[in-house]
Protein backbone atom coordinates (compact mmCIF):
# COMPACT_ATOMS: atom_id res chain seq x y z
CA MET A 1 -17.89 35.51 -30.93
CA ILE A 2 -19.72 32.68 -29.26
CA VAL A 3 -17.79 29.37 -29.30
CA PRO A 4 -19.94 26.13 -29.14
CA LEU A 5 -19.31 23.85 -26.29
CA GLN A 6 -17.97 20.43 -27.92
CA LEU A 7 -16.03 17.48 -26.50
CA GLY A 8 -12.46 17.05 -28.04
CA VAL A 9 -11.81 14.12 -29.97
CA LEU A 10 -8.76 12.15 -28.20
CA GLY A 11 -5.59 12.49 -29.91
CA GLY A 12 -2.44 10.23 -30.34
CA PRO A 13 -0.82 11.13 -26.89
CA GLU A 14 -4.23 10.63 -25.03
CA LEU A 15 -4.61 7.07 -26.50
CA LEU A 16 -1.18 6.17 -25.88
CA VAL A 17 -1.51 6.90 -21.96
CA ILE A 18 -4.86 5.14 -22.03
CA LEU A 19 -3.40 2.08 -23.70
CA LEU A 20 -0.33 2.11 -21.58
CA VAL A 21 -2.91 2.19 -18.57
CA ALA A 22 -4.82 -0.67 -19.98
CA VAL A 23 -1.78 -2.82 -20.29
CA ILE A 24 -0.35 -2.22 -16.77
CA LEU A 25 -4.00 -3.10 -15.10
CA LEU A 26 -4.46 -6.06 -17.22
CA GLY A 27 -1.17 -7.21 -18.32
CA VAL A 28 0.87 -7.08 -14.86
CA PRO A 29 -1.51 -9.59 -13.09
CA LEU A 30 -1.93 -11.76 -16.13
CA LEU A 31 2.14 -12.04 -16.01
CA VAL A 32 2.10 -12.72 -12.25
CA LEU A 33 -0.44 -15.69 -12.82
CA LEU A 34 1.69 -17.34 -15.52
CA GLY A 35 4.57 -17.10 -13.52
CA VAL A 36 3.09 -18.64 -10.35
CA ALA A 37 1.78 -21.33 -12.63
CA SER A 38 5.05 -22.23 -14.42
CA GLY A 39 6.87 -21.78 -11.31
CA LEU A 40 4.62 -24.62 -9.46
CA SER A 41 5.00 -26.96 -12.53
CA LEU A 42 8.57 -26.59 -12.41
CA LEU A 43 9.05 -26.63 -8.86
CA GLY A 44 6.38 -29.46 -8.36
CA ALA A 45 7.25 -32.99 -7.30
CA ASP A 46 7.93 -35.41 -9.80
CA GLU A 47 5.54 -38.35 -10.62
CA GLU A 48 8.43 -40.88 -9.70
CA GLU A 49 8.73 -39.48 -6.18
CA ILE A 50 5.14 -39.35 -5.64
CA GLU A 51 4.49 -43.09 -6.75
CA GLU A 52 7.83 -44.14 -4.53
CA LEU A 53 6.21 -42.29 -1.43
CA GLN A 54 2.92 -44.05 -2.19
CA ARG A 55 4.53 -47.39 -2.50
CA ARG A 56 6.23 -46.80 0.86
CA VAL A 57 3.18 -45.89 2.56
CA ALA A 58 1.49 -48.73 1.33
CA GLU A 59 4.29 -50.97 2.76
CA LEU A 60 4.04 -49.20 6.13
CA GLU A 61 0.30 -49.69 6.34
CA ALA A 62 0.79 -53.40 5.59
CA GLN A 63 3.32 -53.76 8.49
CA ILE A 64 1.00 -51.97 10.81
CA ALA A 65 -1.81 -54.30 9.81
CA GLU A 66 0.47 -57.27 10.11
CA LYS A 67 1.40 -55.91 13.72
CA ASN A 68 -2.37 -55.25 14.59
CA ALA A 69 -3.30 -58.88 13.55
CA GLN A 70 -0.56 -60.36 15.76
CA ARG A 71 -1.56 -58.48 18.61
CA TYR A 72 -5.13 -59.46 18.17
CA GLU A 73 -4.06 -63.24 17.90
CA ASP A 74 -1.94 -62.89 21.03
CA ASP A 75 -5.01 -61.18 23.02
CA GLU A 76 -7.20 -64.15 22.03
CA ARG A 77 -4.78 -66.66 23.29
CA GLU A 78 -4.64 -65.17 26.68
């Protein structure tokens, strides 16, 4: 008896294994990205802290500019 060569149709267990591999390959990196994004948003600096630091930097820059102007005036007098 000659049996013709034919491709088998995937059954339930094979499809489950393929689905499991697809979930692992695609799902794990997605979960890692979501975890990193949520961690950054939770651990990130507050807007109030950023604004406070920007005000402090502006104050210090104004002080430096004032001292530089005083030095320039002192140099011109000499």
